[in-house]
Amino acid sequence: MRLQDKEVQAIQQSFSSCFGSDDHLWLFGSRVDDAKKGGDIDLYIQTHLPAEDAYHKRRNFVIDLWDKIGEQKIDVVVHLIDTDFHLPIYDVAKEEGVILV
């Protein structure tokens, strides 16, 4: 995983302050491959929150994370698991990603 320990801790802290204990977070994409260079931080969140709450929590999560690690490209995919809506990226993120929370 190509993140510094302090970045992982910041991601976990920001997530825990914005989302509930039943919600989960994965890092996926190029940052989980040690052979690659650069790349944005791709995060996948599973939440039980309703859509509007999840939108606001996602925004607050990214802002809090920027305060901790500096502004950089962070992509956040949110899966509202209490709905029937499903995208293939959800499966890819879980299968190829690293769970952080």
PDB file of N, CA and C in Angstrom:
ATOM      1  N   MET A   1       0.859  -1.171   0.000  1.00  0.00           N
ATOM      2  CA  MET A   1       0.000   0.000   0.000  1.00  0.00           C
ATOM      3  C   MET A   1       0.905   1.233   0.000  1.00  0.00           C
ATOM      4  N   ARG A   2       0.650   2.123  -0.935  1.00  0.00           N
ATOM      5  CA  ARG A   2       1.487   3.315  -1.067  1.00  0.00           C
ATOM      6  C   ARG A   2       0.877   4.526  -0.378  1.00  0.00           C
ATOM      7  N   LEU A   3       0.740   4.407   0.916  1.00  0.00           N
ATOM      8  CA  LEU A   3       0.350   5.520   1.771  1.00  0.00           C
ATOM      9  C   LEU A   3       1.246   5.478   3.003  1.00  0.00           C
ATOM     10  N   GLN A   4       1.593   6.633   3.503  1.00  0.00           N
ATOM     11  CA  GLN A   4       2.363   6.688   4.732  1.00  0.00           C
ATOM     12  C   GLN A   4       1.449   6.332   5.900  1.00  0.00           C
ATOM     13  N   ASP A   5       2.043   5.840   6.984  1.00  0.00           N
ATOM     14  CA  ASP A   5       1.261   5.482   8.171  1.00  0.00           C
ATOM     15  C   ASP A   5       0.412   6.649   8.656  1.00  0.00           C
ATOM     16  N   LYS A   6       0.985   7.860   8.629  1.00  0.00           N
ATOM     17  CA  LYS A   6       0.224   9.025   9.097  1.00  0.00           C
ATOM     18  C   LYS A   6      -0.968   9.320   8.191  1.00  0.00           C
ATOM     19  N   GLU A   7      -0.855   9.013   6.888  1.00  0.00           N
ATOM     20  CA  GLU A   7      -1.971   9.207   5.970  1.00  0.00           C
ATOM     21  C   GLU A   7      -3.074   8.186   6.249  1.00  0.00           C
ATOM     22  N   VAL A   8      -2.679   6.937   6.491  1.00  0.00           N
ATOM     23  CA  VAL A   8      -3.660   5.896   6.819  1.00  0.00           C
ATOM     24  C   VAL A   8      -4.389   6.259   8.107  1.00  0.00           C
ATOM     25  N   GLN A   9      -3.655   6.700   9.105  1.00  0.00           N
ATOM     26  CA  GLN A   9      -4.270   7.092  10.377  1.00  0.00           C
ATOM     27  C   GLN A   9      -5.215   8.274  10.188  1.00  0.00           C
ATOM     28  N   ALA A  10      -4.819   9.237   9.367  1.00  0.00           N
ATOM     29  CA  ALA A  10      -5.669  10.399   9.099  1.00  0.00           C
ATOM     30  C   ALA A  10      -6.957   9.975   8.401  1.00  0.00           C
ATOM     31  N   ILE A  11      -6.846   9.071   7.435  1.00  0.00           N
ATOM     32  CA  ILE A  11      -8.024   8.571   6.727  1.00  0.00           C
ATOM     33  C   ILE A  11      -8.956   7.872   7.707  1.00  0.00           C
ATOM     34  N   GLN A  12      -8.403   7.013   8.546  1.00  0.00           N
ATOM     35  CA  GLN A  12      -9.213   6.280   9.522  1.00  0.00           C
ATOM     36  C   GLN A  12      -9.869   7.223  10.524  1.00  0.00           C
ATOM     37  N   GLN A  13      -9.134   8.214  11.006  1.00  0.00           N
ATOM     38  CA  GLN A  13      -9.686   9.164  11.974  1.00  0.00           C
ATOM     39  C   GLN A  13     -10.799  10.005  11.356  1.00  0.00           C
ATOM     40  N   SER A  14     -10.561  10.502  10.153  1.00  0.00           N
ATOM     41  CA  SER A  14     -11.578  11.315   9.488  1.00  0.00           C
ATOM     42  C   SER A  14     -12.836  10.497   9.209  1.00  0.00           C
ATOM     43  N   PHE A  15     -12.643   9.265   8.775  1.00  0.00           N
ATOM     44  CA  PHE A  15     -13.784   8.392   8.508  1.00  0.00           C
ATOM     45  C   PHE A  15     -14.580   8.148   9.789  1.00  0.00           C
ATOM     46  N   SER A  16     -13.888   7.813  10.861  1.00  0.00           N
ATOM     47  CA  SER A  16     -14.564   7.505  12.127  1.00  0.00           C
ATOM     48  C   SER A  16     -15.296   8.712  12.697  1.00  0.00           C
ATOM     49  N   SER A  17     -14.791   9.910  12.421  1.00  0.00           N
ATOM     50  CA  SER A  17     -15.467  11.097  12.943  1.00  0.00           C
ATOM     51  C   SER A  17     -16.691  11.471  12.106  1.00  0.00           C
ATOM     52  N   CYS A  18     -16.786  10.962  10.881  1.00  0.00           N
ATOM     53  CA  CYS A  18     -17.896  11.321   9.998  1.00  0.00           C
ATOM     54  C   CYS A  18     -18.926  10.213   9.811  1.00  0.00           C
ATOM     55  N   PHE A  19     -18.501   8.967   9.910  1.00  0.00           N
ATOM     56  CA  PHE A  19     -19.394   7.853   9.644  1.00  0.00           C
ATOM     57  C   PHE A  19     -19.579   6.999  10.888  1.00  0.00           C
ATOM     58  N   GLY A  20     -20.546   6.109  10.850  1.00  0.00           N
ATOM     59  CA  GLY A  20     -20.894   5.287  11.998  1.00  0.00           C
ATOM     60  C   GLY A  20     -20.052   4.035  12.122  1.00  0.00           C
ATOM     61  N   SER A  21     -20.193   3.364  13.249  1.00  0.00           N
ATOM     62  CA  SER A  21     -19.409   2.159  13.522  1.00  0.00           C
ATOM     63  C   SER A  21     -19.838   0.973  12.648  1.00  0.00           C
ATOM     64  N   ASP A  22     -21.019   1.047  12.053  1.00  0.00           N
ATOM     65  CA  ASP A  22     -21.486  -0.015  11.149  1.00  0.00           C
ATOM     66  C   ASP A  22     -21.051   0.217   9.702  1.00  0.00           C
ATOM     67  N   ASP A  23     -20.410   1.364   9.443  1.00  0.00           N
ATOM     68  CA  ASP A  23     -19.956   1.701   8.096  1.00  0.00           C
ATOM     69  C   ASP A  23     -18.508   1.225   7.915  1.00  0.00           C
ATOM     70  N   HIS A  24     -18.112   1.004   6.660  1.00  0.00           N
ATOM     71  CA  HIS A  24     -16.782   0.462   6.378  1.00  0.00           C
ATOM     72  C   HIS A  24     -16.102   1.226   5.252  1.00  0.00           C
ATOM     73  N   LEU A  25     -14.769   1.157   5.250  1.00  0.00           N
ATOM     74  CA  LEU A  25     -13.954   1.934   4.326  1.00  0.00           C
ATOM     75  C   LEU A  25     -12.829   1.079   3.749  1.00  0.00           C
ATOM     76  N   TRP A  26     -12.645   1.149   2.430  1.00  0.00           N
ATOM     77  CA  TRP A  26     -11.558   0.462   1.734  1.00  0.00           C
ATOM     78  C   TRP A  26     -10.739   1.468   0.944  1.00  0.00           C
ATOM     79  N   LEU A  27      -9.447   1.210   0.836  1.00  0.00           N
ATOM     80  CA  LEU A  27      -8.576   1.882  -0.121  1.00  0.00           C
ATOM     81  C   LEU A  27      -8.488   0.948  -1.324  1.00  0.00           C
ATOM     82  N   PHE A  28      -8.639   1.490  -2.534  1.00  0.00           N
ATOM     83  CA  PHE A  28      -8.514   0.669  -3.732  1.00  0.00           C
ATOM     84  C   PHE A  28      -7.827   1.472  -4.817  1.00  0.00           C
ATOM     85  N   GLY A  29      -7.622   0.866  -5.959  1.00  0.00           N
ATOM     86  CA  GLY A  29      -6.992   1.567  -7.073  1.00  0.00           C
ATOM     87  C   GLY A  29      -5.481   1.469  -7.025  1.00  0.00           C
ATOM     88  N   SER A  30      -4.828   2.424  -7.670  1.00  0.00           N
ATOM     89  CA  SER A  30      -3.376   2.355  -7.842  1.00  0.00           C
ATOM     90  C   SER A  30      -2.602   2.425  -6.527  1.00  0.00           C
ATOM     91  N   ARG A  31      -3.173   3.022  -5.498  1.00  0.00           N
ATOM     92  CA  ARG A  31      -2.451   3.158  -4.224  1.00  0.00           C
ATOM     93  C   ARG A  31      -2.281   1.837  -3.479  1.00  0.00           C
ATOM     94  N   VAL A  32      -2.985   0.788  -3.874  1.00  0.00           N
ATOM     95  CA  VAL A  32      -2.772  -0.508  -3.225  1.00  0.00           C
ATOM     96  C   VAL A  32      -1.696  -1.314  -3.943  1.00  0.00           C
ATOM     97  N   ASP A  33      -1.218  -0.831  -5.083  1.00  0.00           N
ATOM     98  CA  ASP A  33      -0.193  -1.520  -5.866  1.00  0.00           C
ATOM     99  C   ASP A  33       1.153  -0.838  -5.636  1.00  0.00           C
ATOM    100  N   ASP A  34       2.059  -1.519  -4.933  1.00  0.00           N
ATOM    101  CA  ASP A  34       3.374  -0.957  -4.616  1.00  0.00           C
ATOM    102  C   ASP A  34       4.227  -0.721  -5.855  1.00  0.00           C
ATOM    103  N   ALA A  35       3.919  -1.380  -6.970  1.00  0.00           N
ATOM    104  CA  ALA A  35       4.714  -1.244  -8.189  1.00  0.00           C
ATOM    105  C   ALA A  35       4.374   0.023  -8.975  1.00  0.00           C
ATOM    106  N   LYS A  36       3.240   0.626  -8.690  1.00  0.00           N
ATOM    107  CA  LYS A  36       2.823   1.817  -9.424  1.00  0.00           C
ATOM    108  C   LYS A  36       3.343   3.072  -8.732  1.00  0.00           C
ATOM    109  N   LYS A  37       3.245   4.186  -9.449  1.00  0.00           N
ATOM    110  CA  LYS A  37       3.675   5.470  -8.898  1.00  0.00           C
ATOM    111  C   LYS A  37       2.539   6.475  -9.031  1.00  0.00           C
ATOM    112  N   GLY A  38       2.551   7.453  -8.110  1.00  0.00           N
ATOM    113  CA  GLY A  38       1.566   8.521  -8.186  1.00  0.00           C
ATOM    114  C   GLY A  38       0.154   8.020  -7.989  1.00  0.00           C
ATOM    115  N   GLY A  39      -0.773   8.762  -8.515  1.00  0.00           N
ATOM    116  CA  GLY A  39      -2.178   8.360  -8.451  1.00  0.00           C
ATOM    117  C   GLY A  39      -2.925   9.044  -7.327  1.00  0.00           C
ATOM    118  N   ASP A  40      -4.213   9.156  -7.534  1.00  0.00           N
ATOM    119  CA  ASP A  40      -5.061   9.745  -6.509  1.00  0.00           C
ATOM    120  C   ASP A  40      -5.360   8.699  -5.444  1.00  0.00           C
ATOM    121  N   ILE A  41      -6.009   9.130  -4.393  1.00  0.00           N
ATOM    122  CA  ILE A  41      -6.415   8.230  -3.316  1.00  0.00           C
ATOM    123  C   ILE A  41      -7.868   7.840  -3.590  1.00  0.00           C
ATOM    124  N   ASP A  42      -8.085   6.565  -3.900  1.00  0.00           N
ATOM    125  CA  ASP A  42      -9.422   6.050  -4.197  1.00  0.00           C
ATOM    126  C   ASP A  42      -9.951   5.343  -2.953  1.00  0.00           C
ATOM    127  N   LEU A  43     -11.091   5.792  -2.468  1.00  0.00           N
ATOM    128  CA  LEU A  43     -11.692   5.230  -1.270  1.00  0.00           C
ATOM    129  C   LEU A  43     -13.113   4.768  -1.569  1.00  0.00           C
ATOM    130  N   TYR A  44     -13.470   3.648  -0.989  1.00  0.00           N
ATOM    131  CA  TYR A  44     -14.801   3.063  -1.150  1.00  0.00           C
ATOM    132  C   TYR A  44     -15.435   2.965   0.232  1.00  0.00           C
ATOM    133  N   ILE A  45     -16.630   3.507   0.363  1.00  0.00           N
ATOM    134  CA  ILE A  45     -17.347   3.516   1.634  1.00  0.00           C
ATOM    135  C   ILE A  45     -18.657   2.759   1.481  1.00  0.00           C
ATOM    136  N   GLN A  46     -18.914   1.864   2.436  1.00  0.00           N
ATOM    137  CA  GLN A  46     -20.231   1.219   2.563  1.00  0.00           C
ATOM    138  C   GLN A  46     -20.904   1.849   3.768  1.00  0.00           C
ATOM    139  N   THR A  47     -22.112   2.346   3.577  1.00  0.00           N
ATOM    140  CA  THR A  47     -22.811   2.998   4.667  1.00  0.00           C
ATOM    141  C   THR A  47     -24.296   2.632   4.685  1.00  0.00           C
ATOM    142  N   HIS A  48     -24.859   2.686   5.878  1.00  0.00           N
ATOM    143  CA  HIS A  48     -26.296   2.476   6.063  1.00  0.00           C
ATOM    144  C   HIS A  48     -27.054   3.802   6.050  1.00  0.00           C
ATOM    145  N   LEU A  49     -26.358   4.904   5.910  1.00  0.00           N
ATOM    146  CA  LEU A  49     -26.996   6.215   5.937  1.00  0.00           C
ATOM    147  C   LEU A  49     -27.904   6.416   4.733  1.00  0.00           C
ATOM    148  N   PRO A  50     -28.943   7.231   4.890  1.00  0.00           N
ATOM    149  CA  PRO A  50     -29.743   7.620   3.722  1.00  0.00           C
ATOM    150  C   PRO A  50     -28.902   8.510   2.800  1.00  0.00           C
ATOM    151  N   ALA A  51     -29.303   8.607   1.554  1.00  0.00           N
ATOM    152  CA  ALA A  51     -28.514   9.290   0.526  1.00  0.00           C
ATOM    153  C   ALA A  51     -28.101  10.710   0.912  1.00  0.00           C
ATOM    154  N   GLU A  52     -29.030  11.525   1.375  1.00  0.00           N
ATOM    155  CA  GLU A  52     -28.698  12.918   1.689  1.00  0.00           C
ATOM    156  C   GLU A  52     -27.680  13.006   2.817  1.00  0.00           C
ATOM    157  N   ASP A  53     -27.854  12.202   3.860  1.00  0.00           N
ATOM    158  CA  ASP A  53     -26.889  12.194   4.963  1.00  0.00           C
ATOM    159  C   ASP A  53     -25.521  11.715   4.488  1.00  0.00           C
ATOM    160  N   ALA A  54     -25.510  10.680   3.661  1.00  0.00           N
ATOM    161  CA  ALA A  54     -24.250  10.136   3.149  1.00  0.00           C
ATOM    162  C   ALA A  54     -23.506  11.174   2.319  1.00  0.00           C
ATOM    163  N   TYR A  55     -24.244  11.949   1.529  1.00  0.00           N
ATOM    164  CA  TYR A  55     -23.630  13.002   0.716  1.00  0.00           C
ATOM    165  C   TYR A  55     -22.920  14.019   1.602  1.00  0.00           C
ATOM    166  N   HIS A  56     -23.596  14.471   2.645  1.00  0.00           N
ATOM    167  CA  HIS A  56     -22.999  15.467   3.553  1.00  0.00           C
ATOM    168  C   HIS A  56     -21.823  14.876   4.330  1.00  0.00           C
ATOM    169  N   LYS A  57     -21.951  13.647   4.772  1.00  0.00           N
ATOM    170  CA  LYS A  57     -20.863  12.991   5.510  1.00  0.00           C
ATOM    171  C   LYS A  57     -19.648  12.797   4.604  1.00  0.00           C
ATOM    172  N   ARG A  58     -19.879  12.440   3.354  1.00  0.00           N
ATOM    173  CA  ARG A  58     -18.786  12.275   2.402  1.00  0.00           C
ATOM    174  C   ARG A  58     -18.035  13.587   2.222  1.00  0.00           C
ATOM    175  N   ARG A  59     -18.774  14.664   2.029  1.00  0.00           N
ATOM    176  CA  ARG A  59     -18.160  15.985   1.870  1.00  0.00           C
ATOM    177  C   ARG A  59     -17.339  16.360   3.099  1.00  0.00           C
ATOM    178  N   ASN A  60     -17.924  16.175   4.290  1.00  0.00           N
ATOM    179  CA  ASN A  60     -17.220  16.495   5.529  1.00  0.00           C
ATOM    180  C   ASN A  60     -15.979  15.626   5.717  1.00  0.00           C
ATOM    181  N   PHE A  61     -16.076  14.366   5.317  1.00  0.00           N
ATOM    182  CA  PHE A  61     -14.955  13.438   5.393  1.00  0.00           C
ATOM    183  C   PHE A  61     -13.785  13.938   4.549  1.00  0.00           C
ATOM    184  N   VAL A  62     -14.043  14.314   3.313  1.00  0.00           N
ATOM    185  CA  VAL A  62     -12.975  14.785   2.423  1.00  0.00           C
ATOM    186  C   VAL A  62     -12.371  16.083   2.942  1.00  0.00           C
ATOM    187  N   ILE A  63     -13.188  17.002   3.394  1.00  0.00           N
ATOM    188  CA  ILE A  63     -12.685  18.275   3.926  1.00  0.00           C
ATOM    189  C   ILE A  63     -11.814  18.031   5.157  1.00  0.00           C
ATOM    190  N   ASP A  64     -12.280  17.178   6.059  1.00  0.00           N
ATOM    191  CA  ASP A  64     -11.502  16.848   7.253  1.00  0.00           C
ATOM    192  C   ASP A  64     -10.187  16.174   6.874  1.00  0.00           C
ATOM    193  N   LEU A  65     -10.237  15.303   5.893  1.00  0.00           N
ATOM    194  CA  LEU A  65      -9.031  14.609   5.440  1.00  0.00           C
ATOM    195  C   LEU A  65      -8.039  15.590   4.816  1.00  0.00           C
ATOM    196  N   TRP A  66      -8.524  16.532   4.006  1.00  0.00           N
ATOM    197  CA  TRP A  66      -7.644  17.560   3.438  1.00  0.00           C
ATOM    198  C   TRP A  66      -6.964  18.363   4.538  1.00  0.00           C
ATOM    199  N   ASP A  67      -7.697  18.665   5.604  1.00  0.00           N
ATOM    200  CA  ASP A  67      -7.103  19.397   6.727  1.00  0.00           C
ATOM    201  C   ASP A  67      -5.947  18.613   7.348  1.00  0.00           C
ATOM    202  N   LYS A  68      -6.038  17.296   7.334  1.00  0.00           N
ATOM    203  CA  LYS A  68      -5.029  16.445   7.963  1.00  0.00           C
ATOM    204  C   LYS A  68      -3.833  16.142   7.056  1.00  0.00           C
ATOM    205  N   ILE A  69      -4.078  15.911   5.750  1.00  0.00           N
ATOM    206  CA  ILE A  69      -2.991  15.465   4.871  1.00  0.00           C
ATOM    207  C   ILE A  69      -2.705  16.434   3.730  1.00  0.00           C
ATOM    208  N   GLY A  70      -3.429  17.526   3.669  1.00  0.00           N
ATOM    209  CA  GLY A  70      -3.247  18.484   2.586  1.00  0.00           C
ATOM    210  C   GLY A  70      -4.155  18.157   1.414  1.00  0.00           C
ATOM    211  N   GLU A  71      -4.446  19.196   0.642  1.00  0.00           N
ATOM    212  CA  GLU A  71      -5.331  18.990  -0.506  1.00  0.00           C
ATOM    213  C   GLU A  71      -4.634  18.177  -1.573  1.00  0.00           C
ATOM    214  N   GLN A  72      -5.270  17.108  -1.962  1.00  0.00           N
ATOM    215  CA  GLN A  72      -4.819  16.255  -3.050  1.00  0.00           C
ATOM    216  C   GLN A  72      -6.039  15.561  -3.630  1.00  0.00           C
ATOM    217  N   LYS A  73      -5.846  14.896  -4.742  1.00  0.00           N
ATOM    218  CA  LYS A  73      -6.960  14.237  -5.435  1.00  0.00           C
ATOM    219  C   LYS A  73      -7.416  13.022  -4.634  1.00  0.00           C
ATOM    220  N   ILE A  74      -8.641  13.086  -4.144  1.00  0.00           N
ATOM    221  CA  ILE A  74      -9.245  11.991  -3.384  1.00  0.00           C
ATOM    222  C   ILE A  74     -10.590  11.678  -4.029  1.00  0.00           C
ATOM    223  N   ASP A  75     -10.735  10.452  -4.506  1.00  0.00           N
ATOM    224  CA  ASP A  75     -12.001  10.002  -5.086  1.00  0.00           C
ATOM    225  C   ASP A  75     -12.687   9.098  -4.074  1.00  0.00           C
ATOM    226  N   VAL A  76     -13.940   9.394  -3.791  1.00  0.00           N
ATOM    227  CA  VAL A  76     -14.692   8.611  -2.813  1.00  0.00           C
ATOM    228  C   VAL A  76     -15.942   8.048  -3.481  1.00  0.00           C
ATOM    229  N   VAL A  77     -16.046   6.723  -3.476  1.00  0.00           N
ATOM    230  CA  VAL A  77     -17.212   6.017  -3.986  1.00  0.00           C
ATOM    231  C   VAL A  77     -18.036   5.604  -2.774  1.00  0.00           C
ATOM    232  N   VAL A  78     -19.300   6.004  -2.747  1.00  0.00           N
ATOM    233  CA  VAL A  78     -20.172   5.678  -1.620  1.00  0.00           C
ATOM    234  C   VAL A  78     -21.229   4.679  -2.080  1.00  0.00           C
ATOM    235  N   HIS A  79     -21.324   3.580  -1.355  1.00  0.00           N
ATOM    236  CA  HIS A  79     -22.329   2.548  -1.623  1.00  0.00           C
ATOM    237  C   HIS A  79     -23.371   2.595  -0.507  1.00  0.00           C
ATOM    238  N   LEU A  80     -24.577   2.958  -0.849  1.00  0.00           N
ATOM    239  CA  LEU A  80     -25.695   2.970   0.098  1.00  0.00           C
ATOM    240  C   LEU A  80     -26.233   1.544   0.160  1.00  0.00           C
ATOM    241  N   ILE A  81     -25.784   0.789   1.137  1.00  0.00           N
ATOM    242  CA  ILE A  81     -26.047  -0.649   1.124  1.00  0.00           C
ATOM    243  C   ILE A  81     -27.482  -1.026   1.462  1.00  0.00           C
ATOM    244  N   ASP A  82     -28.267  -0.077   1.914  1.00  0.00           N
ATOM    245  CA  ASP A  82     -29.672  -0.365   2.198  1.00  0.00           C
ATOM    246  C   ASP A  82     -30.570  -0.111   0.986  1.00  0.00           C
ATOM    247  N   THR A  83     -29.953   0.116  -0.168  1.00  0.00           N
ATOM    248  CA  THR A  83     -30.718   0.306  -1.410  1.00  0.00           C
ATOM    249  C   THR A  83     -30.404  -0.846  -2.366  1.00  0.00           C
ATOM    250  N   ASP A  84     -31.184  -0.955  -3.418  1.00  0.00           N
ATOM    251  CA  ASP A  84     -30.966  -1.986  -4.430  1.00  0.00           C
ATOM    252  C   ASP A  84     -29.984  -1.539  -5.504  1.00  0.00           C
ATOM    253  N   PHE A  85     -29.574  -0.277  -5.471  1.00  0.00           N
ATOM    254  CA  PHE A  85     -28.668   0.257  -6.486  1.00  0.00           C
ATOM    255  C   PHE A  85     -27.281  -0.354  -6.309  1.00  0.00           C
ATOM    256  N   HIS A  86     -26.706  -0.843  -7.408  1.00  0.00           N
ATOM    257  CA  HIS A  86     -25.396  -1.495  -7.339  1.00  0.00           C
ATOM    258  C   HIS A  86     -24.586  -1.170  -8.592  1.00  0.00           C
ATOM    259  N   LEU A  87     -23.325  -0.812  -8.380  1.00  0.00           N
ATOM    260  CA  LEU A  87     -22.394  -0.563  -9.472  1.00  0.00           C
ATOM    261  C   LEU A  87     -21.260  -1.588  -9.422  1.00  0.00           C
ATOM    262  N   PRO A  88     -20.719  -1.989 -10.561  1.00  0.00           N
ATOM    263  CA  PRO A  88     -19.605  -2.946 -10.574  1.00  0.00           C
ATOM    264  C   PRO A  88     -18.377  -2.465  -9.789  1.00  0.00           C
ATOM    265  N   ILE A  89     -18.171  -1.139  -9.703  1.00  0.00           N
ATOM    266  CA  ILE A  89     -17.019  -0.609  -8.973  1.00  0.00           C
ATOM    267  C   ILE A  89     -17.058  -1.020  -7.499  1.00  0.00           C
ATOM    268  N   TYR A  90     -18.247  -1.236  -6.955  1.00  0.00           N
ATOM    269  CA  TYR A  90     -18.356  -1.680  -5.561  1.00  0.00           C
ATOM    270  C   TYR A  90     -17.641  -3.022  -5.371  1.00  0.00           C
ATOM    271  N   ASP A  91     -17.867  -3.944  -6.307  1.00  0.00           N
ATOM    272  CA  ASP A  91     -17.238  -5.271  -6.226  1.00  0.00           C
ATOM    273  C   ASP A  91     -15.728  -5.180  -6.408  1.00  0.00           C
ATOM    274  N   VAL A  92     -15.300  -4.377  -7.379  1.00  0.00           N
ATOM    275  CA  VAL A  92     -13.866  -4.215  -7.639  1.00  0.00           C
ATOM    276  C   VAL A  92     -13.164  -3.635  -6.412  1.00  0.00           C
ATOM    277  N   ALA A  93     -13.751  -2.614  -5.821  1.00  0.00           N
ATOM    278  CA  ALA A  93     -13.136  -1.965  -4.657  1.00  0.00           C
ATOM    279  C   ALA A  93     -12.973  -2.943  -3.500  1.00  0.00           C
ATOM    280  N   LYS A  94     -13.973  -3.767  -3.260  1.00  0.00           N
ATOM    281  CA  LYS A  94     -13.900  -4.732  -2.160  1.00  0.00           C
ATOM    282  C   LYS A  94     -12.942  -5.874  -2.461  1.00  0.00           C
ATOM    283  N   GLU A  95     -12.946  -6.358  -3.695  1.00  0.00           N
ATOM    284  CA  GLU A  95     -12.122  -7.504  -4.057  1.00  0.00           C
ATOM    285  C   GLU A  95     -10.632  -7.149  -4.167  1.00  0.00           C
ATOM    286  N   GLU A  96     -10.341  -5.972  -4.737  1.00  0.00           N
ATOM    287  CA  GLU A  96      -8.958  -5.598  -4.984  1.00  0.00           C
ATOM    288  C   GLU A  96      -8.416  -4.614  -3.949  1.00  0.00           C
ATOM    289  N   GLY A  97      -9.293  -4.099  -3.119  1.00  0.00           N
ATOM    290  CA  GLY A  97      -8.889  -3.078  -2.169  1.00  0.00           C
ATOM    291  C   GLY A  97      -8.412  -3.643  -0.841  1.00  0.00           C
ATOM    292  N   VAL A  98      -8.024  -2.709   0.026  1.00  0.00           N
ATOM    293  CA  VAL A  98      -7.568  -3.026   1.380  1.00  0.00           C
ATOM    294  C   VAL A  98      -8.525  -2.350   2.357  1.00  0.00           C
ATOM    295  N   ILE A  99      -9.133  -3.133   3.232  1.00  0.00           N
ATOM    296  CA  ILE A  99     -10.069  -2.541   4.184  1.00  0.00           C
ATOM    297  C   ILE A  99      -9.287  -1.733   5.233  1.00  0.00           C
ATOM    298  N   LEU A 100      -9.751  -0.521   5.478  1.00  0.00           N
ATOM    299  CA  LEU A 100      -9.105   0.353   6.464  1.00  0.00           C
ATOM    300  C   LEU A 100      -9.912   0.474   7.744  1.00  0.00           C
ATOM    301  N   VAL A 101     -11.233   0.400   7.618  1.00  0.00           N
ATOM    302  CA  VAL A 101     -12.125   0.481   8.789  1.00  0.00           C
ATOM    303  C   VAL A 101     -13.270  -0.490   8.553  1.00  0.00           C
TER     304      VAL A 101
END
